Amino acid sequence: MKAWHVQDKDGEYQQIVFADKRSEAISKSEALGWDEYINVRARRASFADDLEKEPSKLVEAQLEDGWWFECYGEQCFKEITFEDEHCIVDGRIYCGKCSV
């Protein structure tokens, strides 16, 4: 399925949504809770196509595309980029210090 990078107009809230069409991606996203439909942006994220059922591969693909995530370790909150040592378990990312 096609992957879409959906975000609010300020780019503060972002997510990958899987849908056939742009309008469907916006409707399925959490973005409608963030802002009005007219202020939600969706663009193709082909790097993540067909990774809907593979959360760990999706996170790795997002990191490779320049995304960053906060560590899931208890009260760690370290921002993790592709260059950082990390471990992904069931789609959750941990820094090198908190690796499971």
N, C-alpha and C. Protein backbone atom coordinates (compact mmCIF):
# COMPACT_ATOMS: atom_id res chain seq x y z
N MET A 1 0.84 -1.18 0.00
CA MET A 1 0.00 0.00 0.00
C MET A 1 0.89 1.24 0.00
N LYS A 2 0.37 2.33 -0.53
CA LYS A 2 1.12 3.58 -0.60
C LYS A 2 1.27 4.21 0.77
N ALA A 3 2.45 4.74 1.01
CA ALA A 3 2.72 5.45 2.27
C ALA A 3 2.65 6.95 2.02
N TRP A 4 2.11 7.68 3.01
CA TRP A 4 1.96 9.13 2.93
C TRP A 4 2.53 9.76 4.19
N HIS A 5 3.27 10.83 4.02
CA HIS A 5 3.80 11.61 5.14
C HIS A 5 2.75 12.69 5.41
N VAL A 6 2.04 12.56 6.51
CA VAL A 6 0.96 13.48 6.86
C VAL A 6 1.42 14.35 8.02
N GLN A 7 1.15 15.65 7.92
CA GLN A 7 1.55 16.58 8.98
C GLN A 7 0.63 17.79 9.01
N ASP A 8 0.66 18.50 10.14
CA ASP A 8 -0.07 19.75 10.23
C ASP A 8 0.71 20.80 9.44
N LYS A 9 0.10 21.96 9.21
CA LYS A 9 0.73 22.97 8.36
C LYS A 9 2.05 23.48 8.90
N ASP A 10 2.27 23.40 10.21
CA ASP A 10 3.52 23.86 10.81
C ASP A 10 4.58 22.77 10.87
N GLY A 11 4.20 21.54 10.56
CA GLY A 11 5.14 20.42 10.60
C GLY A 11 5.49 19.96 12.00
N GLU A 12 4.70 20.41 12.98
CA GLU A 12 4.97 20.02 14.36
C GLU A 12 4.58 18.57 14.64
N TYR A 13 3.45 18.15 14.09
CA TYR A 13 2.97 16.78 14.26
C TYR A 13 3.07 16.07 12.92
N GLN A 14 3.70 14.88 12.91
CA GLN A 14 3.90 14.16 11.68
C GLN A 14 3.72 12.67 11.89
N GLN A 15 3.29 11.99 10.83
CA GLN A 15 3.16 10.54 10.90
C GLN A 15 3.14 9.97 9.49
N ILE A 16 3.37 8.67 9.39
CA ILE A 16 3.23 7.95 8.14
C ILE A 16 1.88 7.26 8.18
N VAL A 17 1.10 7.43 7.10
CA VAL A 17 -0.22 6.81 7.00
C VAL A 17 -0.25 6.01 5.70
N PHE A 18 -0.86 4.85 5.72
CA PHE A 18 -0.96 4.00 4.54
C PHE A 18 -2.36 4.10 3.95
N ALA A 19 -2.43 4.47 2.67
CA ALA A 19 -3.71 4.65 1.99
C ALA A 19 -3.47 4.67 0.48
N ASP A 20 -4.54 4.47 -0.27
CA ASP A 20 -4.43 4.51 -1.73
C ASP A 20 -4.38 5.94 -2.27
N LYS A 21 -5.11 6.84 -1.62
CA LYS A 21 -5.18 8.23 -2.11
C LYS A 21 -4.82 9.22 -1.00
N ARG A 22 -4.39 10.39 -1.43
CA ARG A 22 -4.01 11.46 -0.51
C ARG A 22 -5.15 11.80 0.45
N SER A 23 -6.35 11.99 -0.09
CA SER A 23 -7.49 12.37 0.75
C SER A 23 -7.80 11.29 1.79
N GLU A 24 -7.63 10.03 1.42
CA GLU A 24 -7.85 8.93 2.35
C GLU A 24 -6.79 8.95 3.46
N ALA A 25 -5.55 9.28 3.10
CA ALA A 25 -4.48 9.36 4.10
C ALA A 25 -4.79 10.43 5.13
N ILE A 26 -5.25 11.58 4.68
CA ILE A 26 -5.60 12.66 5.60
C ILE A 26 -6.74 12.24 6.51
N SER A 27 -7.76 11.61 5.94
CA SER A 27 -8.92 11.18 6.72
C SER A 27 -8.57 10.11 7.75
N LYS A 28 -7.61 9.23 7.42
CA LYS A 28 -7.21 8.15 8.34
C LYS A 28 -6.20 8.62 9.39
N SER A 29 -5.62 9.78 9.19
CA SER A 29 -4.54 10.23 10.08
C SER A 29 -5.08 10.84 11.36
N GLU A 30 -4.16 11.01 12.29
CA GLU A 30 -4.49 11.72 13.53
C GLU A 30 -4.53 13.22 13.28
N ALA A 31 -4.13 13.64 12.10
CA ALA A 31 -4.01 15.06 11.79
C ALA A 31 -5.33 15.81 11.91
N LEU A 32 -6.44 15.15 11.68
CA LEU A 32 -7.72 15.83 11.80
C LEU A 32 -7.97 16.28 13.23
N GLY A 33 -7.37 15.62 14.19
CA GLY A 33 -7.45 16.06 15.58
C GLY A 33 -6.48 17.19 15.88
N TRP A 34 -5.45 17.33 15.05
CA TRP A 34 -4.45 18.36 15.24
C TRP A 34 -4.89 19.69 14.66
N ASP A 35 -5.62 19.62 13.53
CA ASP A 35 -5.94 20.83 12.79
C ASP A 35 -7.14 20.57 11.89
N GLU A 36 -7.62 21.60 11.21
CA GLU A 36 -8.71 21.45 10.26
C GLU A 36 -8.18 20.76 9.01
N TYR A 37 -9.07 20.07 8.29
CA TYR A 37 -8.68 19.32 7.09
C TYR A 37 -7.87 20.19 6.13
N ILE A 38 -8.28 21.41 5.94
CA ILE A 38 -7.63 22.31 4.99
C ILE A 38 -6.17 22.62 5.36
N ASN A 39 -5.83 22.47 6.64
CA ASN A 39 -4.48 22.77 7.10
C ASN A 39 -3.58 21.54 7.25
N VAL A 40 -4.08 20.40 6.79
CA VAL A 40 -3.31 19.16 6.88
C VAL A 40 -2.63 18.90 5.53
N ARG A 41 -1.36 18.53 5.58
CA ARG A 41 -0.58 18.26 4.37
C ARG A 41 -0.29 16.77 4.29
N ALA A 42 -0.35 16.22 3.09
CA ALA A 42 0.02 14.82 2.86
C ALA A 42 0.81 14.75 1.57
N ARG A 43 1.98 14.13 1.65
CA ARG A 43 2.79 13.93 0.45
C ARG A 43 3.28 12.49 0.46
N ARG A 44 3.56 11.99 -0.72
CA ARG A 44 3.99 10.60 -0.85
C ARG A 44 5.28 10.35 -0.10
N ALA A 45 5.36 9.21 0.52
CA ALA A 45 6.55 8.76 1.23
C ALA A 45 6.88 7.37 0.68
N SER A 46 7.29 7.32 -0.57
CA SER A 46 7.49 6.03 -1.25
C SER A 46 8.54 5.16 -0.57
N PHE A 47 9.44 5.75 0.21
CA PHE A 47 10.44 4.96 0.93
C PHE A 47 9.80 3.98 1.91
N ALA A 48 8.54 4.24 2.29
CA ALA A 48 7.85 3.42 3.28
C ALA A 48 6.73 2.57 2.67
N ASP A 49 6.61 2.58 1.36
CA ASP A 49 5.56 1.77 0.72
C ASP A 49 5.65 0.32 1.16
N ASP A 50 4.50 -0.27 1.40
CA ASP A 50 4.36 -1.69 1.74
C ASP A 50 5.01 -2.09 3.08
N LEU A 51 5.29 -1.15 3.95
CA LEU A 51 5.86 -1.47 5.27
C LEU A 51 4.81 -1.39 6.38
N GLU A 52 3.57 -1.33 6.02
CA GLU A 52 2.48 -1.16 6.98
C GLU A 52 2.47 -2.25 8.06
N LYS A 53 2.79 -3.46 7.70
CA LYS A 53 2.73 -4.58 8.65
C LYS A 53 4.11 -4.93 9.20
N GLU A 54 5.09 -4.06 8.97
CA GLU A 54 6.45 -4.30 9.44
C GLU A 54 6.95 -3.07 10.20
N PRO A 55 6.49 -2.88 11.46
CA PRO A 55 6.79 -1.65 12.19
C PRO A 55 8.27 -1.38 12.40
N SER A 56 9.07 -2.40 12.62
CA SER A 56 10.50 -2.17 12.83
C SER A 56 11.17 -1.69 11.55
N LYS A 57 10.81 -2.29 10.42
CA LYS A 57 11.37 -1.85 9.13
C LYS A 57 10.89 -0.43 8.79
N LEU A 58 9.66 -0.11 9.17
CA LEU A 58 9.14 1.24 8.92
C LEU A 58 9.95 2.27 9.70
N VAL A 59 10.21 2.02 10.97
CA VAL A 59 10.99 2.96 11.79
C VAL A 59 12.39 3.11 11.20
N GLU A 60 13.01 2.01 10.80
CA GLU A 60 14.35 2.08 10.21
C GLU A 60 14.33 2.89 8.92
N ALA A 61 13.31 2.69 8.10
CA ALA A 61 13.19 3.45 6.84
C ALA A 61 13.00 4.95 7.13
N GLN A 62 12.22 5.26 8.15
CA GLN A 62 12.02 6.66 8.52
C GLN A 62 13.34 7.28 8.99
N LEU A 63 14.10 6.55 9.79
CA LEU A 63 15.40 7.05 10.24
C LEU A 63 16.31 7.33 9.05
N GLU A 64 16.34 6.41 8.11
CA GLU A 64 17.17 6.58 6.92
C GLU A 64 16.73 7.78 6.09
N ASP A 65 15.45 8.12 6.17
CA ASP A 65 14.91 9.26 5.43
C ASP A 65 15.09 10.58 6.16
N GLY A 66 15.69 10.55 7.36
CA GLY A 66 15.96 11.78 8.08
C GLY A 66 15.06 12.06 9.27
N TRP A 67 14.16 11.18 9.58
CA TRP A 67 13.30 11.34 10.74
C TRP A 67 14.11 11.11 12.00
N TRP A 68 13.58 11.57 13.14
CA TRP A 68 14.16 11.25 14.44
C TRP A 68 13.03 10.82 15.36
N PHE A 69 13.37 10.06 16.38
CA PHE A 69 12.40 9.56 17.34
C PHE A 69 12.94 9.74 18.75
N GLU A 70 12.04 9.76 19.72
CA GLU A 70 12.46 9.75 21.13
C GLU A 70 12.59 8.31 21.57
N CYS A 71 13.59 8.06 22.39
CA CYS A 71 13.83 6.73 22.96
C CYS A 71 12.61 6.30 23.79
N TYR A 72 12.25 5.03 23.68
CA TYR A 72 11.14 4.48 24.46
C TYR A 72 11.58 4.05 25.85
N GLY A 73 12.86 4.17 26.15
CA GLY A 73 13.35 3.81 27.48
C GLY A 73 12.66 4.65 28.55
N GLU A 74 12.48 4.06 29.71
CA GLU A 74 11.81 4.76 30.80
C GLU A 74 12.49 6.08 31.11
N GLN A 75 11.78 7.14 30.95
CA GLN A 75 12.21 8.51 31.27
C GLN A 75 13.54 8.90 30.60
N CYS A 76 13.80 8.37 29.42
CA CYS A 76 15.04 8.69 28.71
C CYS A 76 14.82 9.92 27.81
N PHE A 77 13.90 9.83 26.89
CA PHE A 77 13.52 10.92 25.98
C PHE A 77 14.64 11.40 25.07
N LYS A 78 15.72 10.64 24.92
CA LYS A 78 16.81 11.01 24.02
C LYS A 78 16.30 11.00 22.58
N GLU A 79 16.67 12.00 21.81
CA GLU A 79 16.32 12.04 20.39
C GLU A 79 17.29 11.15 19.63
N ILE A 80 16.75 10.22 18.84
CA ILE A 80 17.57 9.26 18.12
C ILE A 80 17.46 9.52 16.62
N THR A 81 18.61 9.64 15.96
CA THR A 81 18.67 9.78 14.51
C THR A 81 19.32 8.53 13.94
N PHE A 82 19.42 8.46 12.64
CA PHE A 82 20.00 7.30 11.97
C PHE A 82 21.43 7.05 12.42
N GLU A 83 22.17 8.11 12.70
CA GLU A 83 23.59 7.97 13.07
C GLU A 83 23.79 7.45 14.48
N ASP A 84 22.78 7.58 15.33
CA ASP A 84 22.90 7.16 16.72
C ASP A 84 22.80 5.64 16.85
N GLU A 85 23.50 5.10 17.85
CA GLU A 85 23.36 3.70 18.16
C GLU A 85 21.93 3.48 18.65
N HIS A 86 21.27 2.48 18.09
CA HIS A 86 19.88 2.24 18.48
C HIS A 86 19.50 0.78 18.27
N CYS A 87 18.36 0.44 18.85
CA CYS A 87 17.79 -0.89 18.75
C CYS A 87 16.29 -0.71 18.55
N ILE A 88 15.71 -1.44 17.61
CA ILE A 88 14.27 -1.34 17.35
C ILE A 88 13.62 -2.68 17.70
N VAL A 89 12.63 -2.64 18.59
CA VAL A 89 11.91 -3.83 19.02
C VAL A 89 10.42 -3.58 18.82
N ASP A 90 9.80 -4.37 17.95
CA ASP A 90 8.36 -4.23 17.68
C ASP A 90 7.97 -2.81 17.32
N GLY A 91 8.80 -2.13 16.56
CA GLY A 91 8.49 -0.77 16.12
C GLY A 91 8.82 0.30 17.13
N ARG A 92 9.34 -0.08 18.29
CA ARG A 92 9.75 0.89 19.31
C ARG A 92 11.26 1.01 19.28
N ILE A 93 11.74 2.23 19.37
CA ILE A 93 13.17 2.47 19.25
C ILE A 93 13.78 2.84 20.60
N TYR A 94 14.95 2.30 20.85
CA TYR A 94 15.67 2.54 22.09
C TYR A 94 17.08 3.03 21.76
N CYS A 95 17.59 3.93 22.53
CA CYS A 95 18.96 4.41 22.35
C CYS A 95 19.92 3.30 22.79
N GLY A 96 21.22 3.47 22.51
CA GLY A 96 22.20 2.48 22.89
C GLY A 96 22.23 2.21 24.38
N LYS A 97 21.99 3.23 25.17
CA LYS A 97 22.00 3.09 26.64
C LYS A 97 20.81 2.27 27.14
N CYS A 98 19.67 2.43 26.51
CA CYS A 98 18.44 1.77 26.96
C CYS A 98 18.12 0.49 26.18
N SER A 99 18.96 0.08 25.26
CA SER A 99 18.69 -1.10 24.43
C SER A 99 18.28 -2.29 25.27
N VAL A 100 17.33 -3.00 24.75
CA VAL A 100 16.79 -4.17 25.45
C VAL A 100 17.62 -5.38 25.13
